[in-house]
Amino acid sequence: MAKQKLTLALDPELISFGKNYATGRGTSLSELLETYLAQLRATPELPDGDGASALVRRIRAELAQGQPKAPHEVDQKAVRLEHLNTKFT
């Protein structure tokens, strides 16, 4: 199966952490995220959420209440425009 590109808008410090974490383990950030998502898909979900990480349980709880909120206000349009300006200049 051919791979597709995906653009994510993440906090720059989180991106830096992710890249350093992946590099320290001899992989790329893309491979790290792909592996994590594949593990989530392969892990059978239990109805009460047992077995899920604390982060996954928190995300599920937030999604159950509606759109999750960032810990601070994020201007998604500005983040995307900045990313595109950096990418294509």
Protein backbone atom coordinates (compact mmCIF):
# COMPACT_ATOMS: atom_id res chain seq x y z
CA MET A 1 0.00 0.00 0.00
CA ALA A 2 1.35 3.42 -0.93
CA LYS A 3 1.85 5.89 1.87
CA GLN A 4 0.19 9.30 1.95
CA LYS A 5 1.45 12.56 3.36
CA LEU A 6 -0.35 14.12 6.30
CA THR A 7 0.01 17.64 7.61
CA LEU A 8 -0.36 18.07 11.36
CA ALA A 9 -0.37 21.30 13.33
CA LEU A 10 1.48 20.66 16.59
CA ASP A 11 3.24 22.74 19.19
CA PRO A 12 6.85 23.31 18.01
CA GLU A 13 8.24 22.05 21.33
CA LEU A 14 6.22 18.86 20.97
CA ILE A 15 7.54 18.38 17.44
CA SER A 16 11.09 18.86 18.66
CA PHE A 17 10.53 16.37 21.48
CA GLY A 18 9.00 13.85 19.08
CA LYS A 19 11.87 14.14 16.61
CA ASN A 20 14.48 13.77 19.35
CA TYR A 21 12.59 10.82 20.88
CA ALA A 22 12.36 9.08 17.50
CA THR A 23 16.00 9.78 16.61
CA GLY A 24 17.11 8.37 19.94
CA ARG A 25 15.33 5.15 19.02
CA GLY A 26 16.69 4.98 15.47
CA THR A 27 13.44 5.84 13.72
CA SER A 28 11.60 8.82 12.28
CA LEU A 29 8.72 10.74 13.78
CA SER A 30 6.50 9.46 10.97
CA GLU A 31 7.39 5.84 11.73
CA LEU A 32 6.90 6.44 15.44
CA LEU A 33 3.40 7.84 14.91
CA GLU A 34 2.54 5.15 12.36
CA THR A 35 3.59 2.42 14.80
CA TYR A 36 1.59 3.99 17.63
CA LEU A 37 -1.55 4.27 15.50
CA ALA A 38 -1.13 0.70 14.24
CA GLN A 39 -0.87 -0.50 17.85
CA LEU A 40 -4.04 1.39 18.75
CA ARG A 41 -5.84 -0.22 15.82
CA ALA A 42 -4.58 -3.71 16.71
CA THR A 43 -5.47 -3.46 20.41
CA PRO A 44 -9.03 -4.60 21.06
CA GLU A 45 -10.98 -1.96 22.91
CA LEU A 46 -12.60 -2.93 26.14
CA PRO A 47 -15.97 -1.31 26.89
CA ASP A 48 -14.83 0.25 30.15
CA GLY A 49 -11.54 1.53 28.75
CA ASP A 50 -9.33 -0.82 30.78
CA GLY A 51 -5.99 -1.34 29.18
CA ALA A 52 -5.93 2.09 27.57
CA SER A 53 -3.21 4.53 28.51
CA ALA A 54 -4.05 7.50 30.69
CA LEU A 55 -3.68 9.76 27.64
CA VAL A 56 -6.08 7.68 25.55
CA ARG A 57 -8.61 7.61 28.40
CA ARG A 58 -8.37 11.40 28.75
CA ILE A 59 -8.81 11.93 25.01
CA ARG A 60 -11.83 9.60 24.97
CA ALA A 61 -13.38 11.48 27.90
CA GLU A 62 -12.84 14.84 26.20
CA LEU A 63 -14.29 13.59 22.92
CA ALA A 64 -17.34 12.26 24.74
CA GLN A 65 -17.96 15.81 26.00
CA GLY A 66 -17.53 17.45 22.59
CA GLN A 67 -14.59 19.19 20.95
CA PRO A 68 -11.47 18.94 23.16
CA LYS A 69 -9.88 22.20 24.19
CA ALA A 70 -6.19 23.00 23.86
CA PRO A 71 -4.47 24.07 27.09
CA HIS A 72 -4.10 27.49 25.47
CA GLU A 73 -5.82 29.33 22.62
CA VAL A 74 -4.52 28.20 19.22
CA ASP A 75 -5.08 30.17 16.02
CA GLN A 76 -5.24 27.21 13.61
CA LYS A 77 -5.29 29.42 10.51
CA ALA A 78 -2.15 31.29 11.61
CA VAL A 79 -0.38 28.02 12.44
CA ARG A 80 -1.22 26.57 9.02
CA LEU A 81 -0.18 29.74 7.17
CA GLU A 82 3.11 29.84 9.09
CA HIS A 83 3.72 26.19 8.24
CA LEU A 84 2.99 26.77 4.55
CA ASN A 85 5.19 29.87 4.46
CA THR A 86 8.05 27.93 6.02
CA LYS A 87 7.51 24.94 3.74
CA PHE A 88 7.34 26.83 0.46
CA THR A 89 9.81 29.70 0.98
